[in-house]
Amino acid sequence: PVRMPDLDEIVENDPDLDQGYRDIRNTTDDVPSLAKSGTGSPHFMRQFTDCNATSTTITCPYKISGLGNTDVVDVFLTSPVFVQADCRNPGGNVAPGQAFETTVTGSQLQLRPENGQITRTISIRASDAPDPVASQVCPNPQWTVVNVRKTFTGEFDLFAIVHHQDGSDTRIESEF
């Protein structure tokens, strides 16, 4: 009978096959640890994540990769908003009110990755900030708030919380 060489013998005698076989074996050795953790290395892909900001709107198309298919992701976009308003007294005269800063946050919750990725767009508007009431910005609560103006100020933040199947969470930043 003719003895057929086993795979290790074939690979051992061919340097190109030997290297390729070692590469494949090392790659497959890592698979159980990736499967156990449920994720690779979640991150925003900079080349697919770009935000457009004006004084009244912020829109961010994004792509997150390195996710496990059992992960659940919450995405947030937040920015400070400067709110200005005027006040009208009972006699009809208008005076500037007290300005203040607040925060607007948009969220996309419970997103599920497909093929380890999520590709979406998130937006927020300065007009989403709450309207002030007279007791906040006017000299007298009997006055009426008029001419409300809301604009984004400062830096915005795009981030995500990745909820892993094992109960752990990972916060990832878009790094804008």
C-alpha atoms as a PDB file:
ATOM      1  CA  PRO A   1       0.000   0.000   0.000  1.00  0.00           C
ATOM      2  CA  VAL A   2       1.035   3.593  -0.685  1.00  0.00           C
ATOM      3  CA  ARG A   3       1.237   5.822   2.378  1.00  0.00           C
ATOM      4  CA  MET A   4      -0.213   9.305   1.893  1.00  0.00           C
ATOM      5  CA  PRO A   5       1.577  12.077   3.799  1.00  0.00           C
ATOM      6  CA  ASP A   6      -0.502  13.842   6.422  1.00  0.00           C
ATOM      7  CA  LEU A   7      -1.168  17.608   6.318  1.00  0.00           C
ATOM      8  CA  ASP A   8       1.654  18.465   8.725  1.00  0.00           C
ATOM      9  CA  GLU A   9       4.196  16.677   6.507  1.00  0.00           C
ATOM     10  CA  ILE A  10       2.955  18.419   3.361  1.00  0.00           C
ATOM     11  CA  VAL A  11       3.047  21.818   4.989  1.00  0.00           C
ATOM     12  CA  GLU A  12       6.454  21.186   6.539  1.00  0.00           C
ATOM     13  CA  ASN A  13       8.023  20.550   3.115  1.00  0.00           C
ATOM     14  CA  ASP A  14       6.636  23.699   1.450  1.00  0.00           C
ATOM     15  CA  PRO A  15       7.733  27.006   3.055  1.00  0.00           C
ATOM     16  CA  ASP A  16       4.852  29.005   1.488  1.00  0.00           C
ATOM     17  CA  LEU A  17       2.238  26.517   2.672  1.00  0.00           C
ATOM     18  CA  ASP A  18       3.911  26.312   6.066  1.00  0.00           C
ATOM     19  CA  GLN A  19       3.594  30.083   6.663  1.00  0.00           C
ATOM     20  CA  GLY A  20       0.026  30.200   5.365  1.00  0.00           C
ATOM     21  CA  TYR A  21      -0.965  27.233   7.499  1.00  0.00           C
ATOM     22  CA  ARG A  22       0.549  28.853  10.621  1.00  0.00           C
ATOM     23  CA  ASP A  23      -1.291  32.119   9.838  1.00  0.00           C
ATOM     24  CA  ILE A  24      -4.613  30.285   9.480  1.00  0.00           C
ATOM     25  CA  ARG A  25      -4.034  28.227  12.602  1.00  0.00           C
ATOM     26  CA  ASN A  26      -3.134  31.326  14.635  1.00  0.00           C
ATOM     27  CA  THR A  27      -6.215  33.160  13.336  1.00  0.00           C
ATOM     28  CA  THR A  28      -8.569  30.309  14.192  1.00  0.00           C
ATOM     29  CA  ASP A  29      -6.963  29.999  17.643  1.00  0.00           C
ATOM     30  CA  ASP A  30      -8.267  33.535  18.359  1.00  0.00           C
ATOM     31  CA  VAL A  31     -11.844  32.798  17.272  1.00  0.00           C
ATOM     32  CA  PRO A  32     -13.041  31.274  20.562  1.00  0.00           C
ATOM     33  CA  SER A  33     -11.896  34.321  22.560  1.00  0.00           C
ATOM     34  CA  LEU A  34     -13.682  36.689  20.171  1.00  0.00           C
ATOM     35  CA  ALA A  35     -16.827  34.577  20.278  1.00  0.00           C
ATOM     36  CA  LYS A  36     -16.705  34.479  24.074  1.00  0.00           C
ATOM     37  CA  SER A  37     -16.435  38.251  24.434  1.00  0.00           C
ATOM     38  CA  GLY A  38     -19.105  38.820  21.768  1.00  0.00           C
ATOM     39  CA  THR A  39     -17.205  41.689  20.241  1.00  0.00           C
ATOM     40  CA  GLY A  40     -14.026  42.759  18.578  1.00  0.00           C
ATOM     41  CA  SER A  41     -12.986  46.340  19.172  1.00  0.00           C
ATOM     42  CA  PRO A  42     -15.992  48.642  18.773  1.00  0.00           C
ATOM     43  CA  HIS A  43     -15.141  52.047  17.291  1.00  0.00           C
ATOM     44  CA  PHE A  44     -16.456  54.855  15.125  1.00  0.00           C
ATOM     45  CA  MET A  45     -14.936  54.617  11.657  1.00  0.00           C
ATOM     46  CA  ARG A  46     -13.550  58.121  11.083  1.00  0.00           C
ATOM     47  CA  GLN A  47     -13.710  57.924   7.284  1.00  0.00           C
ATOM     48  CA  PHE A  48     -17.477  57.263   7.510  1.00  0.00           C
ATOM     49  CA  THR A  49     -18.264  59.552  10.459  1.00  0.00           C
ATOM     50  CA  ASP A  50     -18.593  63.225   9.639  1.00  0.00           C
ATOM     51  CA  CYS A  51     -20.692  65.895  11.312  1.00  0.00           C
ATOM     52  CA  ASN A  52     -22.120  69.064   9.831  1.00  0.00           C
ATOM     53  CA  ALA A  53     -22.872  71.770  12.391  1.00  0.00           C
ATOM     54  CA  THR A  54     -24.611  75.111  12.010  1.00  0.00           C
ATOM     55  CA  SER A  55     -25.819  77.412  14.767  1.00  0.00           C
ATOM     56  CA  THR A  56     -29.208  75.644  14.740  1.00  0.00           C
ATOM     57  CA  THR A  57     -28.642  72.040  13.551  1.00  0.00           C
ATOM     58  CA  ILE A  58     -26.041  69.312  14.008  1.00  0.00           C
ATOM     59  CA  THR A  59     -26.215  66.251  11.754  1.00  0.00           C
ATOM     60  CA  CYS A  60     -23.811  63.327  12.038  1.00  0.00           C
ATOM     61  CA  PRO A  61     -23.750  60.387   9.634  1.00  0.00           C
ATOM     62  CA  TYR A  62     -21.718  57.652  11.324  1.00  0.00           C
ATOM     63  CA  LYS A  63     -20.523  54.085  11.073  1.00  0.00           C
ATOM     64  CA  ILE A  64     -19.580  51.956  14.065  1.00  0.00           C
ATOM     65  CA  SER A  65     -17.721  48.718  13.435  1.00  0.00           C
ATOM     66  CA  GLY A  66     -16.025  46.030  15.494  1.00  0.00           C
ATOM     67  CA  LEU A  67     -19.320  45.036  17.096  1.00  0.00           C
ATOM     68  CA  GLY A  68     -20.476  41.577  18.030  1.00  0.00           C
ATOM     69  CA  ASN A  69     -23.791  40.515  16.522  1.00  0.00           C
ATOM     70  CA  THR A  70     -25.262  40.118  20.017  1.00  0.00           C
ATOM     71  CA  ASP A  71     -24.281  43.650  21.122  1.00  0.00           C
ATOM     72  CA  VAL A  72     -26.910  46.361  21.548  1.00  0.00           C
ATOM     73  CA  VAL A  73     -25.830  49.955  20.955  1.00  0.00           C
ATOM     74  CA  ASP A  74     -27.150  53.320  22.166  1.00  0.00           C
ATOM     75  CA  VAL A  75     -25.871  56.379  20.244  1.00  0.00           C
ATOM     76  CA  PHE A  76     -25.957  59.922  21.637  1.00  0.00           C
ATOM     77  CA  LEU A  77     -25.326  63.382  20.201  1.00  0.00           C
ATOM     78  CA  THR A  78     -25.217  66.229  22.712  1.00  0.00           C
ATOM     79  CA  SER A  79     -24.396  69.927  22.573  1.00  0.00           C
ATOM     80  CA  PRO A  80     -24.787  73.057  24.683  1.00  0.00           C
ATOM     81  CA  VAL A  81     -27.468  75.524  23.540  1.00  0.00           C
ATOM     82  CA  PHE A  82     -27.516  79.247  24.335  1.00  0.00           C
ATOM     83  CA  VAL A  83     -31.093  80.446  24.894  1.00  0.00           C
ATOM     84  CA  GLN A  84     -31.984  84.135  24.682  1.00  0.00           C
ATOM     85  CA  ALA A  85     -35.415  85.685  25.061  1.00  0.00           C
ATOM     86  CA  ASP A  86     -37.058  89.042  25.459  1.00  0.00           C
ATOM     87  CA  CYS A  87     -39.732  89.878  27.999  1.00  0.00           C
ATOM     88  CA  ARG A  88     -42.929  91.885  27.479  1.00  0.00           C
ATOM     89  CA  ASN A  89     -44.405  93.629  30.491  1.00  0.00           C
ATOM     90  CA  PRO A  90     -48.175  94.053  30.971  1.00  0.00           C
ATOM     91  CA  GLY A  91     -47.902  97.557  29.450  1.00  0.00           C
ATOM     92  CA  GLY A  92     -46.532  96.082  26.187  1.00  0.00           C
ATOM     93  CA  ASN A  93     -42.930  97.243  26.516  1.00  0.00           C
ATOM     94  CA  VAL A  94     -40.237  94.707  25.531  1.00  0.00           C
ATOM     95  CA  ALA A  95     -36.922  94.341  27.340  1.00  0.00           C
ATOM     96  CA  PRO A  96     -34.087  91.805  27.070  1.00  0.00           C
ATOM     97  CA  GLY A  97     -34.478  88.800  29.341  1.00  0.00           C
ATOM     98  CA  GLN A  98     -31.782  86.810  31.091  1.00  0.00           C
ATOM     99  CA  ALA A  99     -29.959  84.436  28.738  1.00  0.00           C
ATOM    100  CA  PHE A 100     -28.992  80.941  29.883  1.00  0.00           C
ATOM    101  CA  GLU A 101     -27.301  77.799  28.624  1.00  0.00           C
ATOM    102  CA  THR A 102     -28.814  74.339  28.552  1.00  0.00           C
ATOM    103  CA  THR A 103     -28.058  71.071  26.738  1.00  0.00           C
ATOM    104  CA  VAL A 104     -29.811  69.254  23.911  1.00  0.00           C
ATOM    105  CA  THR A 105     -29.288  65.519  23.553  1.00  0.00           C
ATOM    106  CA  GLY A 106     -30.495  63.257  20.770  1.00  0.00           C
ATOM    107  CA  SER A 107     -30.410  59.495  21.095  1.00  0.00           C
ATOM    108  CA  GLN A 108     -30.864  56.345  19.055  1.00  0.00           C
ATOM    109  CA  LEU A 109     -31.466  53.444  21.424  1.00  0.00           C
ATOM    110  CA  GLN A 110     -31.316  49.668  21.196  1.00  0.00           C
ATOM    111  CA  LEU A 111     -29.589  49.554  17.800  1.00  0.00           C
ATOM    112  CA  ARG A 112     -28.573  46.075  16.656  1.00  0.00           C
ATOM    113  CA  PRO A 113     -25.554  45.603  14.411  1.00  0.00           C
ATOM    114  CA  GLU A 114     -25.621  43.790  11.098  1.00  0.00           C
ATOM    115  CA  ASN A 115     -22.382  42.025  10.188  1.00  0.00           C
ATOM    116  CA  GLY A 116     -20.703  43.723  13.152  1.00  0.00           C
ATOM    117  CA  GLN A 117     -21.577  47.265  12.006  1.00  0.00           C
ATOM    118  CA  ILE A 118     -24.141  50.033  12.416  1.00  0.00           C
ATOM    119  CA  THR A 119     -24.482  52.792   9.812  1.00  0.00           C
ATOM    120  CA  ARG A 120     -26.953  55.590  10.579  1.00  0.00           C
ATOM    121  CA  THR A 121     -27.397  59.353  10.872  1.00  0.00           C
ATOM    122  CA  ILE A 122     -28.282  61.258  14.043  1.00  0.00           C
ATOM    123  CA  SER A 123     -29.385  64.906  14.239  1.00  0.00           C
ATOM    124  CA  ILE A 124     -30.288  67.460  16.871  1.00  0.00           C
ATOM    125  CA  ARG A 125     -31.790  70.945  16.606  1.00  0.00           C
ATOM    126  CA  ALA A 126     -31.185  73.890  18.918  1.00  0.00           C
ATOM    127  CA  SER A 127     -34.953  74.450  18.826  1.00  0.00           C
ATOM    128  CA  ASP A 128     -35.309  71.173  20.782  1.00  0.00           C
ATOM    129  CA  ALA A 129     -34.100  73.030  23.891  1.00  0.00           C
ATOM    130  CA  PRO A 130     -36.957  73.826  26.261  1.00  0.00           C
ATOM    131  CA  ASP A 131     -38.559  77.254  25.966  1.00  0.00           C
ATOM    132  CA  PRO A 132     -37.896  79.483  28.955  1.00  0.00           C
ATOM    133  CA  VAL A 133     -40.678  80.575  31.273  1.00  0.00           C
ATOM    134  CA  ALA A 134     -41.055  84.122  32.579  1.00  0.00           C
ATOM    135  CA  SER A 135     -39.861  83.213  36.084  1.00  0.00           C
ATOM    136  CA  GLN A 136     -36.531  82.047  34.552  1.00  0.00           C
ATOM    137  CA  VAL A 137     -35.695  85.004  32.327  1.00  0.00           C
ATOM    138  CA  CYS A 138     -37.941  87.989  33.103  1.00  0.00           C
ATOM    139  CA  PRO A 139     -37.816  90.482  35.991  1.00  0.00           C
ATOM    140  CA  ASN A 140     -41.368  89.586  36.961  1.00  0.00           C
ATOM    141  CA  PRO A 141     -43.268  86.311  36.482  1.00  0.00           C
ATOM    142  CA  GLN A 142     -46.260  88.367  35.270  1.00  0.00           C
ATOM    143  CA  TRP A 143     -44.296  89.325  32.160  1.00  0.00           C
ATOM    144  CA  THR A 144     -44.520  87.319  28.924  1.00  0.00           C
ATOM    145  CA  VAL A 145     -41.568  85.622  27.190  1.00  0.00           C
ATOM    146  CA  VAL A 146     -41.214  86.693  23.517  1.00  0.00           C
ATOM    147  CA  ASN A 147     -38.636  86.419  20.720  1.00  0.00           C
ATOM    148  CA  VAL A 148     -36.938  83.221  21.902  1.00  0.00           C
ATOM    149  CA  ARG A 149     -33.628  82.509  20.145  1.00  0.00           C
ATOM    150  CA  LYS A 150     -31.673  79.267  20.491  1.00  0.00           C
ATOM    151  CA  THR A 151     -28.215  78.586  19.088  1.00  0.00           C
ATOM    152  CA  PHE A 152     -25.622  75.885  19.570  1.00  0.00           C
ATOM    153  CA  THR A 153     -22.496  77.007  21.387  1.00  0.00           C
ATOM    154  CA  GLY A 154     -19.284  75.205  22.122  1.00  0.00           C
ATOM    155  CA  GLU A 155     -18.343  71.682  21.184  1.00  0.00           C
ATOM    156  CA  PHE A 156     -20.734  68.827  20.559  1.00  0.00           C
ATOM    157  CA  ASP A 157     -20.190  65.200  21.536  1.00  0.00           C
ATOM    158  CA  LEU A 158     -21.051  62.096  19.498  1.00  0.00           C
ATOM    159  CA  PHE A 159     -20.614  58.868  21.470  1.00  0.00           C
ATOM    160  CA  ALA A 160     -22.066  55.408  21.890  1.00  0.00           C
ATOM    161  CA  ILE A 161     -22.573  52.914  24.690  1.00  0.00           C
ATOM    162  CA  VAL A 162     -22.130  49.306  23.570  1.00  0.00           C
ATOM    163  CA  HIS A 163     -24.014  46.835  25.775  1.00  0.00           C
ATOM    164  CA  HIS A 164     -22.382  43.399  25.549  1.00  0.00           C
ATOM    165  CA  GLN A 165     -24.167  40.099  26.065  1.00  0.00           C
ATOM    166  CA  ASP A 166     -22.053  39.402  29.175  1.00  0.00           C
ATOM    167  CA  GLY A 167     -23.592  42.478  30.872  1.00  0.00           C
ATOM    168  CA  SER A 168     -20.596  44.786  30.460  1.00  0.00           C
ATOM    169  CA  ASP A 169     -20.726  48.166  28.709  1.00  0.00           C
ATOM    170  CA  THR A 170     -18.156  49.987  26.580  1.00  0.00           C
ATOM    171  CA  ARG A 171     -18.308  53.732  25.868  1.00  0.00           C
ATOM    172  CA  ILE A 172     -16.811  54.732  22.525  1.00  0.00           C
ATOM    173  CA  GLU A 173     -16.114  58.300  21.400  1.00  0.00           C
ATOM    174  CA  SER A 174     -16.298  59.657  17.885  1.00  0.00           C
ATOM    175  CA  GLU A 175     -13.214  61.815  18.618  1.00  0.00           C
ATOM    176  CA  PHE A 176     -14.380  64.928  16.799  1.00  0.00           C
END
